[in-house]
Amino acid sequence: MEKGRFFSGLFIMAGLVVLGLMIPRAVDKYRSYDRTVNVKGLCEKEVMADKVIWPIVYKVMSNDIQSIYDQTDRNNEVIRSFLEEGGLTEGEISVSVPQISDKFANEYGSNDRAFRYIATNVVTVYTADVEKVLALMSKQSDLLKKGIVTGGNSWENPVEFKYEGLNDIKPEMIEEATRNAREAAQKFAKDSDSRLGKIRTANQGTFTIENRDSNTPYIKKVRVVTSVTYYLKN
């Protein structure tokens, strides 16, 4: 009986010794989980717009309403021919209904203008062939030579260049941004005499698409920032 108690006490003592040896290691390991570094990785890419909406706005003026419609029909055909000769298809061109203003019907307007009727019309191009549109834009003087003065309020009828191929470049951009984040984390770990551990958390971030500058809105800058938190090891 005494011998059994002796061995039981011995085993308990040995267990306490082993536990005492393991506790510091467990504490150190637990504390290591608190050592992290949060880094951000950036990736930017310039791409060409792959869609364009080009409103061609013009006005015609007359004192005769029939003349307004005749001029509008004639101008629409001239503009359509100009666009199709430049390589665009009929399906890429749409013509709006003219908006006609009658100065005599406007109680707030002045009646001393030269023409009673002013019609505003828009011929809109919607296409993925951005290069052809850019070429046609540079030749708008051809329309002026045919008596069509184009132009309008840029805030009402702006030319829009869009980029819709984001899904095609997303994977490679995320990969590059993540690689840049890891390089930053490795540099931090080296400078702090540590080693880089596993990823604790990762956030892909949001893609943004902006004009590269105001002069070339058809060139887009795509940007993404990833945020990654790594564990650090001794």
C-alpha atoms as a PDB file:
ATOM      1  CA  MET A   1       0.000   0.000   0.000  1.00  0.00           C
ATOM      2  CA  GLU A   2       2.811   2.369   0.973  1.00  0.00           C
ATOM      3  CA  LYS A   3       4.725   1.387  -2.156  1.00  0.00           C
ATOM      4  CA  GLY A   4       1.692   2.192  -4.350  1.00  0.00           C
ATOM      5  CA  ARG A   5       1.396   5.627  -2.802  1.00  0.00           C
ATOM      6  CA  PHE A   6       5.086   6.205  -3.313  1.00  0.00           C
ATOM      7  CA  PHE A   7       4.928   5.387  -7.043  1.00  0.00           C
ATOM      8  CA  SER A   8       1.739   7.416  -7.487  1.00  0.00           C
ATOM      9  CA  GLY A   9       3.412  10.438  -5.925  1.00  0.00           C
ATOM     10  CA  LEU A  10       6.477   9.887  -8.082  1.00  0.00           C
ATOM     11  CA  PHE A  11       4.399   9.807 -11.237  1.00  0.00           C
ATOM     12  CA  ILE A  12       2.552  12.948 -10.215  1.00  0.00           C
ATOM     13  CA  MET A  13       5.818  14.731  -9.497  1.00  0.00           C
ATOM     14  CA  ALA A  14       7.247  13.653 -12.854  1.00  0.00           C
ATOM     15  CA  GLY A  15       4.122  14.905 -14.582  1.00  0.00           C
ATOM     16  CA  LEU A  16       4.394  18.261 -12.873  1.00  0.00           C
ATOM     17  CA  VAL A  17       8.029  18.559 -13.905  1.00  0.00           C
ATOM     18  CA  VAL A  18       7.181  17.796 -17.549  1.00  0.00           C
ATOM     19  CA  LEU A  19       4.266  20.229 -17.420  1.00  0.00           C
ATOM     20  CA  GLY A  20       6.531  22.887 -15.975  1.00  0.00           C
ATOM     21  CA  LEU A  21       8.966  22.384 -18.827  1.00  0.00           C
ATOM     22  CA  MET A  22       6.216  22.558 -21.474  1.00  0.00           C
ATOM     23  CA  ILE A  23       4.432  25.677 -20.172  1.00  0.00           C
ATOM     24  CA  PRO A  24       7.175  28.167 -21.201  1.00  0.00           C
ATOM     25  CA  ARG A  25       7.297  26.665 -24.666  1.00  0.00           C
ATOM     26  CA  ALA A  26       3.505  26.846 -24.966  1.00  0.00           C
ATOM     27  CA  VAL A  27       3.527  30.461 -23.799  1.00  0.00           C
ATOM     28  CA  ASP A  28       6.233  31.354 -26.319  1.00  0.00           C
ATOM     29  CA  LYS A  29       4.311  29.656 -29.084  1.00  0.00           C
ATOM     30  CA  TYR A  30       1.110  31.434 -28.059  1.00  0.00           C
ATOM     31  CA  ARG A  31       2.861  34.780 -27.996  1.00  0.00           C
ATOM     32  CA  SER A  32       4.282  34.152 -31.463  1.00  0.00           C
ATOM     33  CA  TYR A  33       0.749  34.240 -32.825  1.00  0.00           C
ATOM     34  CA  ASP A  34       0.523  37.871 -31.725  1.00  0.00           C
ATOM     35  CA  ARG A  35       3.473  38.863 -33.906  1.00  0.00           C
ATOM     36  CA  THR A  36       2.109  39.890 -37.273  1.00  0.00           C
ATOM     37  CA  VAL A  37       2.839  42.349 -40.045  1.00  0.00           C
ATOM     38  CA  ASN A  38       0.208  43.960 -42.268  1.00  0.00           C
ATOM     39  CA  VAL A  39       1.328  44.971 -45.754  1.00  0.00           C
ATOM     40  CA  LYS A  40      -0.313  46.291 -48.915  1.00  0.00           C
ATOM     41  CA  GLY A  41       0.485  45.310 -52.473  1.00  0.00           C
ATOM     42  CA  LEU A  42      -0.275  47.587 -55.419  1.00  0.00           C
ATOM     43  CA  CYS A  43      -0.773  46.697 -59.067  1.00  0.00           C
ATOM     44  CA  GLU A  44      -1.515  49.240 -61.806  1.00  0.00           C
ATOM     45  CA  LYS A  45      -2.073  48.591 -65.479  1.00  0.00           C
ATOM     46  CA  GLU A  46      -2.819  50.827 -68.455  1.00  0.00           C
ATOM     47  CA  VAL A  47      -5.334  49.496 -70.960  1.00  0.00           C
ATOM     48  CA  MET A  48      -7.115  50.762 -74.044  1.00  0.00           C
ATOM     49  CA  ALA A  49     -10.839  51.415 -73.769  1.00  0.00           C
ATOM     50  CA  ASP A  50     -12.866  48.679 -75.426  1.00  0.00           C
ATOM     51  CA  LYS A  51     -16.184  50.544 -75.812  1.00  0.00           C
ATOM     52  CA  VAL A  52     -17.036  54.081 -76.834  1.00  0.00           C
ATOM     53  CA  ILE A  53     -20.243  56.112 -76.881  1.00  0.00           C
ATOM     54  CA  TRP A  54     -19.867  59.105 -79.175  1.00  0.00           C
ATOM     55  CA  PRO A  55     -22.813  61.538 -79.425  1.00  0.00           C
ATOM     56  CA  ILE A  56     -22.553  63.794 -82.487  1.00  0.00           C
ATOM     57  CA  VAL A  57     -24.673  66.844 -81.681  1.00  0.00           C
ATOM     58  CA  TYR A  58     -25.716  69.491 -84.177  1.00  0.00           C
ATOM     59  CA  LYS A  59     -28.312  72.243 -84.495  1.00  0.00           C
ATOM     60  CA  VAL A  60     -30.358  73.596 -87.394  1.00  0.00           C
ATOM     61  CA  MET A  61     -32.315  76.861 -87.443  1.00  0.00           C
ATOM     62  CA  SER A  62     -35.115  78.159 -89.610  1.00  0.00           C
ATOM     63  CA  ASN A  63     -38.336  80.138 -89.604  1.00  0.00           C
ATOM     64  CA  ASP A  64     -40.119  77.284 -91.373  1.00  0.00           C
ATOM     65  CA  ILE A  65     -40.824  74.039 -89.493  1.00  0.00           C
ATOM     66  CA  GLN A  66     -40.751  71.912 -92.664  1.00  0.00           C
ATOM     67  CA  SER A  67     -37.327  73.305 -93.478  1.00  0.00           C
ATOM     68  CA  ILE A  68     -36.195  72.204 -90.039  1.00  0.00           C
ATOM     69  CA  TYR A  69     -37.226  68.615 -90.729  1.00  0.00           C
ATOM     70  CA  ASP A  70     -35.719  68.657 -94.219  1.00  0.00           C
ATOM     71  CA  GLN A  71     -32.371  69.954 -92.930  1.00  0.00           C
ATOM     72  CA  THR A  72     -32.377  67.400 -90.106  1.00  0.00           C
ATOM     73  CA  ASP A  73     -33.030  64.506 -92.482  1.00  0.00           C
ATOM     74  CA  ARG A  74     -30.305  65.721 -94.815  1.00  0.00           C
ATOM     75  CA  ASN A  75     -27.767  66.166 -91.997  1.00  0.00           C
ATOM     76  CA  ASN A  76     -28.553  62.756 -90.557  1.00  0.00           C
ATOM     77  CA  GLU A  77     -27.815  61.117 -93.906  1.00  0.00           C
ATOM     78  CA  VAL A  78     -24.576  63.075 -94.344  1.00  0.00           C
ATOM     79  CA  ILE A  79     -23.384  62.078 -90.860  1.00  0.00           C
ATOM     80  CA  ARG A  80     -24.422  58.454 -91.357  1.00  0.00           C
ATOM     81  CA  SER A  81     -22.493  58.296 -94.659  1.00  0.00           C
ATOM     82  CA  PHE A  82     -19.469  59.895 -92.979  1.00  0.00           C
ATOM     83  CA  LEU A  83     -19.504  57.253 -90.244  1.00  0.00           C
ATOM     84  CA  GLU A  84     -20.088  54.290 -92.535  1.00  0.00           C
ATOM     85  CA  GLU A  85     -17.330  55.416 -94.893  1.00  0.00           C
ATOM     86  CA  GLY A  86     -15.096  55.460 -91.821  1.00  0.00           C
ATOM     87  CA  GLY A  87     -15.767  51.768 -91.246  1.00  0.00           C
ATOM     88  CA  LEU A  88     -18.703  51.759 -88.823  1.00  0.00           C
ATOM     89  CA  THR A  89     -21.780  49.623 -89.421  1.00  0.00           C
ATOM     90  CA  GLU A  90     -25.436  50.601 -89.473  1.00  0.00           C
ATOM     91  CA  GLY A  91     -26.029  48.748 -86.188  1.00  0.00           C
ATOM     92  CA  GLU A  92     -23.449  50.912 -84.444  1.00  0.00           C
ATOM     93  CA  ILE A  93     -25.257  54.157 -85.359  1.00  0.00           C
ATOM     94  CA  SER A  94     -28.520  55.458 -83.904  1.00  0.00           C
ATOM     95  CA  VAL A  95     -30.371  58.696 -84.634  1.00  0.00           C
ATOM     96  CA  SER A  96     -32.487  60.467 -82.032  1.00  0.00           C
ATOM     97  CA  VAL A  97     -35.700  62.398 -82.554  1.00  0.00           C
ATOM     98  CA  PRO A  98     -34.871  66.122 -82.932  1.00  0.00           C
ATOM     99  CA  GLN A  99     -35.718  68.447 -80.062  1.00  0.00           C
ATOM    100  CA  ILE A 100     -37.318  71.565 -81.539  1.00  0.00           C
ATOM    101  CA  SER A 101     -37.567  74.856 -79.719  1.00  0.00           C
ATOM    102  CA  ASP A 102     -40.127  77.482 -80.829  1.00  0.00           C
ATOM    103  CA  LYS A 103     -39.169  80.933 -79.543  1.00  0.00           C
ATOM    104  CA  PHE A 104     -42.737  82.164 -80.013  1.00  0.00           C
ATOM    105  CA  ALA A 105     -43.979  79.436 -77.654  1.00  0.00           C
ATOM    106  CA  ASN A 106     -41.466  80.361 -74.959  1.00  0.00           C
ATOM    107  CA  GLU A 107     -43.071  83.041 -72.798  1.00  0.00           C
ATOM    108  CA  TYR A 108     -39.775  83.687 -71.013  1.00  0.00           C
ATOM    109  CA  GLY A 109     -37.676  84.046 -74.124  1.00  0.00           C
ATOM    110  CA  SER A 110     -36.937  87.037 -76.324  1.00  0.00           C
ATOM    111  CA  ASN A 111     -38.606  87.267 -79.731  1.00  0.00           C
ATOM    112  CA  ASP A 112     -35.857  89.263 -81.404  1.00  0.00           C
ATOM    113  CA  ARG A 113     -33.829  86.252 -82.561  1.00  0.00           C
ATOM    114  CA  ALA A 114     -33.221  85.725 -86.271  1.00  0.00           C
ATOM    115  CA  PHE A 115     -34.883  82.301 -86.411  1.00  0.00           C
ATOM    116  CA  ARG A 116     -38.120  81.089 -84.854  1.00  0.00           C
ATOM    117  CA  TYR A 117     -37.221  77.379 -84.728  1.00  0.00           C
ATOM    118  CA  ILE A 118     -34.018  75.762 -83.414  1.00  0.00           C
ATOM    119  CA  ALA A 119     -33.675  71.987 -83.595  1.00  0.00           C
ATOM    120  CA  THR A 120     -31.075  69.966 -81.730  1.00  0.00           C
ATOM    121  CA  ASN A 121     -30.361  66.455 -82.931  1.00  0.00           C
ATOM    122  CA  VAL A 122     -27.980  63.706 -81.819  1.00  0.00           C
ATOM    123  CA  VAL A 123     -26.491  60.901 -83.881  1.00  0.00           C
ATOM    124  CA  THR A 124     -24.950  58.412 -81.450  1.00  0.00           C
ATOM    125  CA  VAL A 125     -22.203  55.904 -82.140  1.00  0.00           C
ATOM    126  CA  TYR A 126     -21.868  52.906 -79.824  1.00  0.00           C
ATOM    127  CA  THR A 127     -19.095  50.526 -80.768  1.00  0.00           C
ATOM    128  CA  ALA A 128     -16.193  48.415 -79.577  1.00  0.00           C
ATOM    129  CA  ASP A 129     -14.023  49.715 -82.413  1.00  0.00           C
ATOM    130  CA  VAL A 130     -12.422  52.577 -80.513  1.00  0.00           C
ATOM    131  CA  GLU A 131      -9.638  53.074 -83.049  1.00  0.00           C
ATOM    132  CA  LYS A 132     -12.108  53.801 -85.852  1.00  0.00           C
ATOM    133  CA  VAL A 133     -13.955  56.336 -83.706  1.00  0.00           C
ATOM    134  CA  LEU A 134     -10.728  58.112 -82.803  1.00  0.00           C
ATOM    135  CA  ALA A 135      -9.854  58.313 -86.500  1.00  0.00           C
ATOM    136  CA  LEU A 136     -13.301  59.716 -87.349  1.00  0.00           C
ATOM    137  CA  MET A 137     -13.107  62.256 -84.526  1.00  0.00           C
ATOM    138  CA  SER A 138      -9.942  63.662 -86.051  1.00  0.00           C
ATOM    139  CA  LYS A 139     -11.785  64.181 -89.354  1.00  0.00           C
ATOM    140  CA  GLN A 140     -14.899  66.010 -88.121  1.00  0.00           C
ATOM    141  CA  SER A 141     -13.853  68.984 -90.230  1.00  0.00           C
ATOM    142  CA  ASP A 142     -15.196  66.977 -93.182  1.00  0.00           C
ATOM    143  CA  LEU A 143     -18.682  67.508 -91.760  1.00  0.00           C
ATOM    144  CA  LEU A 144     -18.043  71.219 -91.333  1.00  0.00           C
ATOM    145  CA  LYS A 145     -17.149  71.438 -95.023  1.00  0.00           C
ATOM    146  CA  LYS A 146     -20.600  70.007 -95.751  1.00  0.00           C
ATOM    147  CA  GLY A 147     -22.334  72.637 -93.652  1.00  0.00           C
ATOM    148  CA  ILE A 148     -22.789  70.618 -90.462  1.00  0.00           C
ATOM    149  CA  VAL A 149     -21.496  72.290 -87.313  1.00  0.00           C
ATOM    150  CA  THR A 150     -21.151  69.650 -84.609  1.00  0.00           C
ATOM    151  CA  GLY A 151     -20.776  70.296 -80.916  1.00  0.00           C
ATOM    152  CA  GLY A 152     -22.811  70.608 -77.774  1.00  0.00           C
ATOM    153  CA  ASN A 153     -22.650  70.726 -74.029  1.00  0.00           C
ATOM    154  CA  SER A 154     -20.020  68.236 -72.940  1.00  0.00           C
ATOM    155  CA  TRP A 155     -21.849  67.658 -69.650  1.00  0.00           C
ATOM    156  CA  GLU A 156     -25.095  66.776 -71.436  1.00  0.00           C
ATOM    157  CA  ASN A 157     -23.672  64.709 -74.276  1.00  0.00           C
ATOM    158  CA  PRO A 158     -20.167  63.605 -73.272  1.00  0.00           C
ATOM    159  CA  VAL A 159     -18.047  61.158 -75.214  1.00  0.00           C
ATOM    160  CA  GLU A 160     -17.697  58.085 -73.005  1.00  0.00           C
ATOM    161  CA  PHE A 161     -14.839  55.634 -73.232  1.00  0.00           C
ATOM    162  CA  LYS A 162     -15.361  52.456 -71.245  1.00  0.00           C
ATOM    163  CA  TYR A 163     -13.302  49.415 -70.334  1.00  0.00           C
ATOM    164  CA  GLU A 164     -15.335  46.237 -69.856  1.00  0.00           C
ATOM    165  CA  GLY A 165     -12.558  43.626 -70.016  1.00  0.00           C
ATOM    166  CA  LEU A 166     -11.714  43.744 -66.315  1.00  0.00           C
ATOM    167  CA  ASN A 167     -12.429  40.046 -65.725  1.00  0.00           C
ATOM    168  CA  ASP A 168      -9.759  39.137 -68.272  1.00  0.00           C
ATOM    169  CA  ILE A 169      -6.965  40.899 -66.381  1.00  0.00           C
ATOM    170  CA  LYS A 170      -8.179  40.442 -62.794  1.00  0.00           C
ATOM    171  CA  PRO A 171      -6.290  37.195 -62.011  1.00  0.00           C
ATOM    172  CA  GLU A 172      -2.870  38.433 -63.153  1.00  0.00           C
ATOM    173  CA  MET A 173      -3.326  41.784 -61.402  1.00  0.00           C
ATOM    174  CA  ILE A 174      -4.321  40.135 -58.113  1.00  0.00           C
ATOM    175  CA  GLU A 175      -1.345  37.800 -58.429  1.00  0.00           C
ATOM    176  CA  GLU A 176       1.050  40.703 -58.973  1.00  0.00           C
ATOM    177  CA  ALA A 177      -0.418  42.760 -56.129  1.00  0.00           C
ATOM    178  CA  THR A 178      -0.184  39.781 -53.764  1.00  0.00           C
ATOM    179  CA  ARG A 179       3.408  39.133 -54.835  1.00  0.00           C
ATOM    180  CA  ASN A 180       4.281  42.775 -54.169  1.00  0.00           C
ATOM    181  CA  ALA A 181       2.681  42.527 -50.724  1.00  0.00           C
ATOM    182  CA  ARG A 182       4.708  39.412 -49.894  1.00  0.00           C
ATOM    183  CA  GLU A 183       7.945  41.099 -50.991  1.00  0.00           C
ATOM    184  CA  ALA A 184       7.181  44.003 -48.655  1.00  0.00           C
ATOM    185  CA  ALA A 185       6.447  41.587 -45.803  1.00  0.00           C
ATOM    186  CA  GLN A 186       9.664  39.658 -46.416  1.00  0.00           C
ATOM    187  CA  LYS A 187      11.654  42.888 -46.312  1.00  0.00           C
ATOM    188  CA  PHE A 188      10.022  43.824 -43.006  1.00  0.00           C
ATOM    189  CA  ALA A 189      10.695  40.362 -41.545  1.00  0.00           C
ATOM    190  CA  LYS A 190      14.342  40.527 -42.569  1.00  0.00           C
ATOM    191  CA  ASP A 191      14.798  43.988 -41.084  1.00  0.00           C
ATOM    192  CA  SER A 192      13.256  42.810 -37.785  1.00  0.00           C
ATOM    193  CA  ASP A 193      15.349  39.590 -37.609  1.00  0.00           C
ATOM    194  CA  SER A 194      12.250  37.470 -38.111  1.00  0.00           C
ATOM    195  CA  ARG A 195      10.957  34.942 -40.581  1.00  0.00           C
ATOM    196  CA  LEU A 196       7.733  35.223 -42.524  1.00  0.00           C
ATOM    197  CA  GLY A 197       4.998  32.819 -41.504  1.00  0.00           C
ATOM    198  CA  LYS A 198       1.636  31.906 -42.935  1.00  0.00           C
ATOM    199  CA  ILE A 199      -1.053  34.348 -44.015  1.00  0.00           C
ATOM    200  CA  ARG A 200      -3.364  35.353 -41.194  1.00  0.00           C
ATOM    201  CA  THR A 201      -5.830  37.428 -43.226  1.00  0.00           C
ATOM    202  CA  ALA A 202      -6.007  38.699 -46.796  1.00  0.00           C
ATOM    203  CA  ASN A 203      -8.186  41.314 -48.462  1.00  0.00           C
ATOM    204  CA  GLN A 204      -8.214  41.592 -52.253  1.00  0.00           C
ATOM    205  CA  GLY A 205      -9.336  45.201 -52.269  1.00  0.00           C
ATOM    206  CA  THR A 206     -11.447  47.020 -54.875  1.00  0.00           C
ATOM    207  CA  PHE A 207     -10.557  47.517 -58.519  1.00  0.00           C
ATOM    208  CA  THR A 208     -10.745  51.076 -59.810  1.00  0.00           C
ATOM    209  CA  ILE A 209     -10.784  52.198 -63.442  1.00  0.00           C
ATOM    210  CA  GLU A 210      -9.962  55.823 -64.218  1.00  0.00           C
ATOM    211  CA  ASN A 211      -8.849  57.905 -67.171  1.00  0.00           C
ATOM    212  CA  ARG A 212      -5.073  58.037 -67.356  1.00  0.00           C
ATOM    213  CA  ASP A 213      -5.386  61.799 -67.875  1.00  0.00           C
ATOM    214  CA  SER A 214      -7.882  64.345 -69.186  1.00  0.00           C
ATOM    215  CA  ASN A 215      -6.311  64.450 -72.657  1.00  0.00           C
ATOM    216  CA  THR A 216      -6.478  60.711 -73.374  1.00  0.00           C
ATOM    217  CA  PRO A 217      -9.717  59.414 -71.831  1.00  0.00           C
ATOM    218  CA  TYR A 218      -9.529  56.360 -74.101  1.00  0.00           C
ATOM    219  CA  ILE A 219      -6.520  55.105 -72.118  1.00  0.00           C
ATOM    220  CA  LYS A 220      -7.603  53.714 -68.767  1.00  0.00           C
ATOM    221  CA  LYS A 221      -5.616  53.105 -65.609  1.00  0.00           C
ATOM    222  CA  VAL A 222      -6.747  50.003 -63.741  1.00  0.00           C
ATOM    223  CA  ARG A 223      -5.648  49.788 -60.099  1.00  0.00           C
ATOM    224  CA  VAL A 224      -6.010  47.298 -57.256  1.00  0.00           C
ATOM    225  CA  VAL A 225      -4.528  47.217 -53.758  1.00  0.00           C
ATOM    226  CA  THR A 226      -4.403  43.999 -51.719  1.00  0.00           C
ATOM    227  CA  SER A 227      -3.967  43.956 -47.944  1.00  0.00           C
ATOM    228  CA  VAL A 228      -2.331  40.883 -46.376  1.00  0.00           C
ATOM    229  CA  THR A 229      -1.449  40.106 -42.753  1.00  0.00           C
ATOM    230  CA  TYR A 230       1.363  37.587 -42.146  1.00  0.00           C
ATOM    231  CA  TYR A 231       2.529  35.859 -38.983  1.00  0.00           C
ATOM    232  CA  LEU A 232       6.139  36.467 -37.983  1.00  0.00           C
ATOM    233  CA  LYS A 233       8.441  33.789 -36.593  1.00  0.00           C
ATOM    234  CA  ASN A 234      11.676  34.046 -34.647  1.00  0.00           C
END
